[in-house]
Amino acid sequence: MDLESDLDQPGHGRISRFWYRYRASLALSGMLFITGMALVAGAASIFSGMQRSFDNPSSTVVYHSARLSTVWERLNSLAERRMLGMVNETDMSLQTAGDMLLLQLDIVESSYRQAMLSPRHLERLIQHRQNLAVTLAQLHASIKESDRDGELQHRTRALLDEGGQLVNLIALETSSAVTKSDDMRRNLLVETGNVTLLLLTGLVTLGAILAGGLIVVSSQRRELKLLAMTDGLTGLANRRVFMQQMEAEHLRAQRYDLPLALILVDLDYFKAVNDNWGHPAGDAVLKAVATTLQTLSREADLVARIGGEEFAILTPGTTLAAATDAATRYCEAIAALVIQHGKHTLGITASFGVAAPTEEDRSAAATFGQADAALYRAKHSGRNRVIAAPILSLTPELGGAIYSASSEISPMSWKT
């Protein structure tokens, strides 16, 4: 009996079907085995590449040069946009606060502490910040900063001016600690004759770490801020600063139920000084008056020049009566001034208006309005005198007011 006739038998049919299924199953198992081996080999290759990446970053650059080039470009682009955004945001906030930004340096590192910000991108950042106080060489040396204790201090010292000394430095945490927070800020105090504030910022962007954002506000920039707050001629606070401080003091006085008073000063016939002897003579008079007011005022008082020949004195913790007495002393001292200008001896007098917050309206605007009305009354009552609020009733013929409390000084002749 041949094989074909044997397969035609009922028992042989079951064997045939089993044989075909066995061969199909064996083929599928082989394919799965080959696929599994390929996956294992691929995983081993990937693991080996990752191990080389951590053990030897430089070999990784060679091994994956094309891929890393793309990654570097993307990371640099992201880091650059983020850093420029931080610079712009910082500029905006500092300008709002009256301060100025001198330097911002951001360091980008990978998870295995290799700098990811190339010198080319550093140069592009420097082009955006022409006022950087350190050189490209110093920046390039600092970007390979590691997070080991002491290393940050060593690198940061290189960025300071000669003679700079770190007086309080909080060391940067390890990379693993930094990555747990998207925003880390540390304050560093640097002493270079004047105290300079450094703000260290760490940010996480994808797999890269902005390991440092260094902001230096120098003493020179601080001087610019001071100039923006003071009157250039007299050195007193300017009107903007005075108004801000007056608002703050009124809120404080209202919150803690403290006394507060405001004194406004206007020089009498000041225009005649400029007309007769010129503006340099007028400047000499303004400086002399400013010095007198500043000398006689308390340390807690704020003296400001708020207009051409107008001055103001904010007296925290002072009652209306005490402020009126102080204004009287100011008035007498100004009238007694002998101001030498070339061959001429000049004299000047001033009118004063004094006011304090009232129960009806404790706002700064209301107090200023009351003091201004009192000053107007003093000017129209003969000048060279002090009048204090509050107003009882208006007098249309004077356009001023009658006050419940007043202190007047007899008019004195104006020296010529």
Protein backbone atom coordinates (compact mmCIF):
# COMPACT_ATOMS: atom_id res chain seq x y z
CA MET A 1 0.00 0.00 0.00
CA ASP A 2 1.54 3.34 -1.03
CA LEU A 3 1.59 6.51 1.09
CA GLU A 4 -1.28 8.18 -0.79
CA SER A 5 -3.60 5.22 -0.21
CA ASP A 6 -2.55 5.14 3.45
CA LEU A 7 -3.51 8.82 3.86
CA ASP A 8 -6.92 8.02 2.43
CA GLN A 9 -7.64 5.83 5.42
CA PRO A 10 -9.66 7.42 8.29
CA GLY A 11 -6.85 7.18 10.88
CA HIS A 12 -4.26 8.57 8.54
CA GLY A 13 -6.39 11.71 7.88
CA ARG A 14 -6.07 12.78 11.50
CA ILE A 15 -2.28 12.26 11.37
CA SER A 16 -2.03 14.39 8.22
CA ARG A 17 -3.89 17.29 9.74
CA PHE A 18 -1.70 17.14 12.86
CA TRP A 19 1.48 17.06 10.75
CA TYR A 20 0.52 20.18 8.78
CA ARG A 21 -0.41 22.08 11.96
CA TYR A 22 2.86 21.06 13.60
CA ARG A 23 4.90 22.36 10.67
CA ALA A 24 2.97 25.68 10.65
CA SER A 25 3.41 26.08 14.38
CA LEU A 26 7.11 25.30 14.10
CA ALA A 27 7.53 27.93 11.39
CA LEU A 28 5.70 30.57 13.47
CA SER A 29 7.79 29.75 16.53
CA GLY A 30 10.93 30.17 14.47
CA MET A 31 9.82 33.54 13.23
CA LEU A 32 9.00 34.65 16.76
CA PHE A 33 12.36 33.42 18.00
CA ILE A 34 14.23 35.30 15.28
CA THR A 35 12.21 38.46 16.01
CA GLY A 36 12.88 38.16 19.72
CA MET A 37 16.59 37.72 19.14
CA ALA A 38 16.57 40.81 16.95
CA LEU A 39 14.81 42.79 19.65
CA VAL A 40 17.28 41.57 22.27
CA ALA A 41 20.18 42.50 20.02
CA GLY A 42 18.66 45.93 19.39
CA ALA A 43 18.08 46.49 23.09
CA ALA A 44 21.62 45.44 23.85
CA SER A 45 22.88 47.90 21.24
CA ILE A 46 20.76 50.71 22.71
CA PHE A 47 21.89 49.86 26.25
CA SER A 48 25.48 49.77 25.11
CA GLY A 49 25.06 53.17 23.46
CA MET A 50 23.46 54.62 26.60
CA GLN A 51 26.26 53.20 28.72
CA ARG A 52 28.84 54.78 26.40
CA SER A 53 26.89 58.05 26.65
CA PHE A 54 27.19 58.16 30.42
CA ASP A 55 30.68 56.68 30.65
CA ASN A 56 32.24 58.68 27.84
CA PRO A 57 30.28 61.68 26.55
CA SER A 58 32.93 62.53 23.95
CA SER A 59 32.64 59.10 22.32
CA THR A 60 28.88 59.63 22.21
CA VAL A 61 29.40 62.78 20.18
CA VAL A 62 31.43 60.79 17.63
CA TYR A 63 29.11 57.79 17.66
CA HIS A 64 25.92 59.78 17.28
CA SER A 65 27.31 62.92 15.66
CA ALA A 66 24.41 63.48 13.28
CA ARG A 67 21.71 62.89 15.90
CA LEU A 68 23.47 64.93 18.58
CA SER A 69 23.96 67.81 16.17
CA THR A 70 20.19 68.05 15.76
CA VAL A 71 19.64 67.71 19.50
CA TRP A 72 22.20 70.42 20.24
CA GLU A 73 20.58 72.80 17.79
CA ARG A 74 17.16 72.24 19.31
CA LEU A 75 18.38 72.55 22.89
CA ASN A 76 20.41 75.64 22.08
CA SER A 77 17.45 77.19 20.32
CA LEU A 78 15.16 76.46 23.27
CA ALA A 79 17.73 77.67 25.79
CA GLU A 80 18.41 80.83 23.80
CA ARG A 81 14.74 81.72 23.53
CA ARG A 82 14.23 81.01 27.23
CA MET A 83 17.24 83.05 28.29
CA LEU A 84 16.36 86.00 26.10
CA GLY A 85 12.85 85.84 27.48
CA MET A 86 14.25 85.88 31.01
CA VAL A 87 16.42 88.89 30.13
CA ASN A 88 13.45 90.77 28.70
CA GLU A 89 11.24 89.89 31.67
CA THR A 90 13.96 90.91 34.10
CA ASP A 91 14.59 94.17 32.24
CA MET A 92 10.89 94.98 32.39
CA SER A 93 10.53 94.21 36.09
CA LEU A 94 13.69 96.05 37.06
CA GLN A 95 12.78 99.09 35.00
CA THR A 96 9.40 99.11 36.71
CA ALA A 97 11.14 99.01 40.07
CA GLY A 98 13.53 101.75 39.04
CA ASP A 99 16.51 99.42 38.81
CA MET A 100 18.61 98.30 35.86
CA LEU A 101 20.02 94.98 34.71
CA LEU A 102 23.74 94.76 34.12
CA LEU A 103 24.36 91.09 33.43
CA GLN A 104 22.47 87.84 33.03
CA LEU A 105 24.40 84.63 32.40
CA ASP A 106 22.65 81.30 31.93
CA ILE A 107 24.56 78.00 31.93
CA VAL A 108 23.03 74.98 30.20
CA GLU A 109 24.11 71.47 31.16
CA SER A 110 23.00 67.99 30.16
CA SER A 111 22.16 65.33 32.72
CA TYR A 112 25.79 64.18 32.68
CA ARG A 113 27.23 67.61 33.28
CA GLN A 114 28.38 68.41 29.77
CA ALA A 115 27.80 71.98 28.62
CA MET A 116 25.10 72.17 25.95
CA LEU A 117 25.43 75.86 25.10
CA SER A 118 27.98 76.30 22.33
CA PRO A 119 30.33 79.32 22.05
CA ARG A 120 28.52 80.36 18.86
CA HIS A 121 25.27 80.69 20.77
CA LEU A 122 27.03 82.48 23.60
CA GLU A 123 28.26 85.03 21.07
CA ARG A 124 24.71 85.48 19.76
CA LEU A 125 23.49 86.09 23.30
CA ILE A 126 26.23 88.62 23.93
CA GLN A 127 25.19 90.52 20.82
CA HIS A 128 21.80 90.97 22.46
CA ARG A 129 23.39 92.21 25.69
CA GLN A 130 26.11 94.71 24.78
CA ASN A 131 26.52 95.83 28.38
CA LEU A 132 27.87 92.53 29.72
CA ALA A 133 30.57 93.15 32.28
CA VAL A 134 32.56 89.95 31.64
CA THR A 135 34.39 88.67 28.60
CA LEU A 136 33.46 85.78 26.34
CA ALA A 137 36.46 83.86 27.63
CA GLN A 138 35.16 84.09 31.18
CA LEU A 139 31.71 83.03 30.07
CA HIS A 140 33.05 80.07 28.10
CA ALA A 141 35.13 78.98 31.08
CA SER A 142 32.12 79.08 33.34
CA ILE A 143 29.67 77.04 31.27
CA LYS A 144 31.35 73.75 32.19
CA GLU A 145 30.40 74.43 35.80
CA SER A 146 29.77 71.28 37.78
CA ASP A 147 27.52 71.02 40.80
CA ARG A 148 30.16 69.78 43.21
CA ASP A 149 30.58 71.70 46.45
CA GLY A 150 33.12 74.44 46.10
CA GLU A 151 33.19 74.34 42.31
CA LEU A 152 30.42 76.89 41.95
CA GLN A 153 32.19 79.24 44.30
CA HIS A 154 35.42 78.85 42.35
CA ARG A 155 33.78 79.60 39.00
CA THR A 156 31.70 82.45 40.35
CA ARG A 157 34.74 84.17 41.77
CA ALA A 158 36.19 84.32 38.25
CA LEU A 159 33.23 86.39 37.14
CA LEU A 160 33.63 89.01 39.83
CA ASP A 161 35.60 92.22 39.52
CA GLU A 162 39.15 92.19 40.80
CA GLY A 163 39.11 92.27 44.56
CA GLY A 164 35.63 90.80 44.72
CA GLN A 165 34.91 88.61 47.71
CA LEU A 166 32.01 86.26 48.26
CA VAL A 167 30.68 86.82 51.76
CA ASN A 168 27.69 84.49 51.69
CA LEU A 169 27.32 81.72 49.12
CA ILE A 170 24.67 79.01 49.10
CA ALA A 171 26.08 76.05 47.15
CA LEU A 172 24.13 74.70 44.18
CA GLU A 173 22.38 71.39 44.82
CA THR A 174 23.22 68.30 42.77
CA SER A 175 21.70 67.88 39.33
CA SER A 176 19.19 65.35 40.63
CA ALA A 177 17.99 67.84 43.22
CA VAL A 178 17.80 70.65 40.72
CA THR A 179 15.65 68.66 38.31
CA LYS A 180 12.99 68.23 40.99
CA SER A 181 12.17 71.93 40.76
CA ASP A 182 11.39 73.93 37.67
CA ASP A 183 12.50 77.16 39.28
CA MET A 184 15.24 77.50 41.89
CA ARG A 185 16.51 80.80 43.20
CA ARG A 186 19.40 81.47 45.53
CA ASN A 187 20.68 84.79 46.77
CA LEU A 188 24.38 85.47 46.82
CA LEU A 189 25.94 88.48 48.46
CA VAL A 190 29.16 89.79 46.95
CA GLU A 191 31.29 92.48 48.49
CA THR A 192 33.38 94.60 46.12
CA GLY A 193 33.64 97.77 48.20
CA ASN A 194 29.89 98.18 47.80
CA VAL A 195 27.56 95.24 48.33
CA THR A 196 26.32 93.76 45.05
CA LEU A 197 23.39 91.37 44.83
CA LEU A 198 23.68 88.24 42.69
CA LEU A 199 20.60 86.21 41.84
CA LEU A 200 21.25 82.57 40.90
CA THR A 201 18.47 80.94 38.94
CA GLY A 202 18.18 77.28 37.93
CA LEU A 203 15.57 76.18 35.42
CA VAL A 204 14.79 72.86 33.77
CA THR A 205 14.13 72.83 30.02
CA LEU A 206 13.47 69.31 28.64
CA GLY A 207 16.59 67.28 29.47
CA ALA A 208 18.82 70.30 29.90
CA ILE A 209 19.39 72.33 33.03
CA LEU A 210 19.88 76.06 33.12
CA ALA A 211 22.35 75.62 35.92
CA GLY A 212 22.90 79.28 36.56
CA GLY A 213 21.38 82.62 35.81
CA LEU A 214 23.68 85.30 37.16
CA ILE A 215 22.31 88.81 37.55
CA VAL A 216 24.69 91.49 38.75
CA VAL A 217 23.38 94.88 39.80
CA SER A 218 26.51 97.00 40.17
CA SER A 219 27.08 100.05 42.30
CA GLN A 220 27.27 102.08 39.10
CA ARG A 221 23.77 100.98 38.13
CA ARG A 222 22.64 101.71 41.65
CA GLU A 223 23.89 105.26 41.21
CA LEU A 224 21.75 105.58 38.09
CA LYS A 225 18.76 104.46 40.11
CA LEU A 226 19.59 107.07 42.75
CA LEU A 227 19.77 109.76 40.09
CA ALA A 228 16.30 108.80 38.87
CA MET A 229 14.95 109.33 42.41
CA THR A 230 16.54 112.70 43.21
CA ASP A 231 16.40 116.27 41.99
CA GLY A 232 19.53 116.98 39.97
CA LEU A 233 20.05 120.52 41.27
CA THR A 234 19.38 120.21 45.00
CA GLY A 235 19.95 116.51 45.65
CA LEU A 236 16.56 116.25 47.38
CA ALA A 237 13.95 113.62 46.52
CA ASN A 238 12.03 114.43 43.35
CA ARG A 239 8.27 114.82 43.00
CA ARG A 240 7.62 111.24 41.84
CA VAL A 241 9.41 109.70 44.80
CA PHE A 242 7.77 112.11 47.22
CA MET A 243 4.27 111.35 45.98
CA GLN A 244 4.89 107.61 46.22
CA GLN A 245 6.23 107.93 49.76
CA MET A 246 3.40 110.22 50.80
CA GLU A 247 0.87 107.64 49.63
CA ALA A 248 2.67 104.89 51.54
CA GLU A 249 2.92 106.95 54.73
CA HIS A 250 -0.78 107.82 54.61
CA LEU A 251 -1.68 104.14 54.34
CA ARG A 252 0.62 103.31 57.25
CA ALA A 253 -0.76 106.15 59.39
CA GLN A 254 -4.30 105.03 58.68
CA ARG A 255 -3.58 101.39 59.43
CA TYR A 256 -1.81 102.00 62.75
CA ASP A 257 -3.63 105.22 63.71
CA LEU A 258 -0.42 107.30 63.68
CA PRO A 259 -0.10 111.08 63.36
CA LEU A 260 1.18 112.49 60.07
CA ALA A 261 1.59 115.98 58.65
CA LEU A 262 2.54 117.59 55.36
CA ILE A 263 4.32 120.94 54.85
CA LEU A 264 4.31 122.67 51.45
CA VAL A 265 6.76 125.48 50.73
CA ASP A 266 6.75 128.06 47.93
CA LEU A 267 9.47 130.72 47.57
CA ASP A 268 8.19 134.30 47.41
CA TYR A 269 8.90 136.35 44.29
CA PHE A 270 11.37 133.79 43.02
CA LYS A 271 10.80 134.82 39.41
CA ALA A 272 12.32 138.20 40.24
CA VAL A 273 15.59 136.50 41.18
CA ASN A 274 15.90 134.88 37.76
CA ASP A 275 14.78 138.05 35.97
CA ASN A 276 17.18 140.37 37.81
CA TRP A 277 20.26 138.22 38.31
CA GLY A 278 19.83 135.26 35.99
CA HIS A 279 19.20 131.56 36.41
CA PRO A 280 22.57 130.80 38.07
CA ALA A 281 21.51 133.11 40.89
CA GLY A 282 18.17 131.33 41.07
CA ASP A 283 19.99 128.00 41.29
CA ALA A 284 22.10 129.31 44.16
CA VAL A 285 18.95 130.35 46.03
CA LEU A 286 17.30 126.96 45.47
CA LYS A 287 20.37 125.13 46.74
CA ALA A 288 20.58 127.33 49.83
CA VAL A 289 16.91 126.79 50.66
CA ALA A 290 17.20 123.01 50.06
CA THR A 291 20.21 122.83 52.40
CA THR A 292 18.34 124.77 55.08
CA LEU A 293 15.27 122.54 54.92
CA GLN A 294 17.35 119.37 54.93
CA THR A 295 19.51 120.56 57.84
CA LEU A 296 16.57 121.53 60.06
CA SER A 297 14.45 118.43 59.27
CA ARG A 298 14.51 115.20 61.25
CA GLU A 299 16.01 112.00 59.95
CA ALA A 300 12.53 110.52 59.63
CA ASP A 301 11.27 113.42 57.52
CA LEU A 302 11.31 113.40 53.72
CA VAL A 303 12.28 116.69 52.08
CA ALA A 304 11.66 117.01 48.33
CA ARG A 305 11.69 119.55 45.55
CA ILE A 306 8.35 119.04 43.82
CA GLY A 307 8.40 121.96 41.37
CA GLY A 308 10.45 124.92 40.17
CA GLU A 309 10.48 126.85 43.47
CA GLU A 310 8.20 124.49 45.40
CA PHE A 311 9.31 122.17 48.17
CA ALA A 312 7.50 119.65 50.37
CA ILE A 313 8.27 118.05 53.72
CA LEU A 314 6.57 114.85 54.88
CA THR A 315 6.70 114.46 58.67
CA PRO A 316 5.65 110.97 59.88
CA GLY A 317 4.65 110.67 63.53
CA THR A 318 4.03 114.43 63.78
CA THR A 319 0.83 116.21 64.79
CA LEU A 320 -0.50 119.23 62.95
CA ALA A 321 0.59 121.56 65.78
CA ALA A 322 4.12 120.15 65.88
CA ALA A 323 4.43 120.38 62.10
CA THR A 324 3.25 124.00 62.23
CA ASP A 325 5.96 124.79 64.79
CA ALA A 326 8.54 123.13 62.54
CA ALA A 327 7.32 125.11 59.54
CA THR A 328 7.70 128.28 61.57
CA ARG A 329 11.36 127.46 62.23
CA TYR A 330 11.88 126.74 58.51
CA CYS A 331 10.27 130.04 57.59
CA GLU A 332 12.45 132.03 59.97
CA ALA A 333 15.64 130.27 58.85
CA ILE A 334 14.96 130.90 55.16
CA ALA A 335 14.19 134.57 55.79
CA ALA A 336 17.54 134.87 57.60
CA LEU A 337 19.58 133.43 54.72
CA VAL A 338 22.36 135.54 53.25
CA ILE A 339 23.23 134.12 49.83
CA GLN A 340 26.33 135.35 48.05
CA HIS A 341 26.21 135.32 44.26
CA GLY A 342 29.13 137.09 42.67
CA LYS A 343 29.08 140.67 43.88
CA HIS A 344 25.47 140.44 44.97
CA THR A 345 24.00 139.46 48.31
CA LEU A 346 20.65 137.78 47.88
CA GLY A 347 17.83 137.03 50.26
CA ILE A 348 14.56 135.16 49.93
CA THR A 349 11.42 134.41 51.91
CA ALA A 350 8.92 131.58 51.64
CA SER A 351 5.25 130.85 52.32
CA PHE A 352 4.15 127.66 54.06
CA GLY A 353 0.97 125.59 54.09
CA VAL A 354 0.56 122.79 56.65
CA ALA A 355 -2.07 120.04 56.80
CA ALA A 356 -2.76 116.66 58.36
CA PRO A 357 -5.17 113.84 57.47
CA THR A 358 -8.69 114.46 58.77
CA GLU A 359 -11.32 112.04 60.03
CA GLU A 360 -13.52 112.91 57.04
CA ASP A 361 -10.84 112.02 54.47
CA ARG A 362 -7.50 110.46 55.40
CA SER A 363 -6.24 110.04 51.84
CA ALA A 364 -2.96 111.49 50.62
CA ALA A 365 -4.76 113.47 47.93
CA ALA A 366 -7.02 115.13 50.50
CA THR A 367 -4.08 116.08 52.74
CA PHE A 368 -2.15 117.50 49.81
CA GLY A 369 -5.19 119.51 48.74
CA GLN A 370 -5.60 120.94 52.26
CA ALA A 371 -1.91 121.89 52.47
CA ASP A 372 -2.04 123.45 49.01
CA ALA A 373 -5.09 125.52 49.99
CA ALA A 374 -3.30 126.67 53.15
CA LEU A 375 -0.26 127.64 51.07
CA TYR A 376 -2.48 129.60 48.69
CA ARG A 377 -3.95 131.43 51.68
CA ALA A 378 -0.46 132.26 52.98
CA LYS A 379 0.58 133.64 49.57
CA HIS A 380 -2.50 135.89 49.48
CA SER A 381 -2.13 137.03 53.09
CA GLY A 382 1.19 138.80 52.65
CA ARG A 383 3.64 135.90 52.09
CA ASN A 384 6.54 134.94 54.39
CA ARG A 385 4.21 133.16 56.78
CA VAL A 386 2.84 129.79 57.86
CA ILE A 387 -0.85 128.87 57.73
CA ALA A 388 -2.22 125.51 58.78
CA ALA A 389 -5.42 123.71 57.83
CA PRO A 390 -8.21 122.58 58.26
CA ILE A 391 -10.63 124.68 56.24
CA LEU A 392 -13.75 126.03 57.97
CA SER A 393 -15.31 128.04 55.13
CA LEU A 394 -14.31 129.40 51.77
CA THR A 395 -13.80 133.08 51.11
CA PRO A 396 -14.53 133.86 47.45
CA GLU A 397 -12.68 137.17 47.52
CA LEU A 398 -9.44 135.42 48.43
CA GLY A 399 -10.10 132.13 46.72
CA GLY A 400 -8.54 130.62 49.79
CA ALA A 401 -9.81 129.67 53.24
CA ILE A 402 -10.20 130.62 56.87
CA TYR A 403 -8.48 128.15 59.19
CA SER A 404 -9.18 127.06 62.72
CA ALA A 405 -5.46 126.97 63.50
CA SER A 406 -2.83 129.26 62.10
CA SER A 407 0.60 130.57 62.89
CA GLU A 408 1.74 133.71 61.13
CA ILE A 409 5.12 135.40 60.96
CA SER A 410 5.37 139.09 60.31
CA PRO A 411 6.48 139.82 56.73
CA MET A 412 10.18 140.54 56.38
CA SER A 413 11.79 142.67 53.72
CA TRP A 414 13.30 140.80 50.86
CA LYS A 415 17.02 141.45 50.55
CA THR A 416 18.19 142.88 47.23
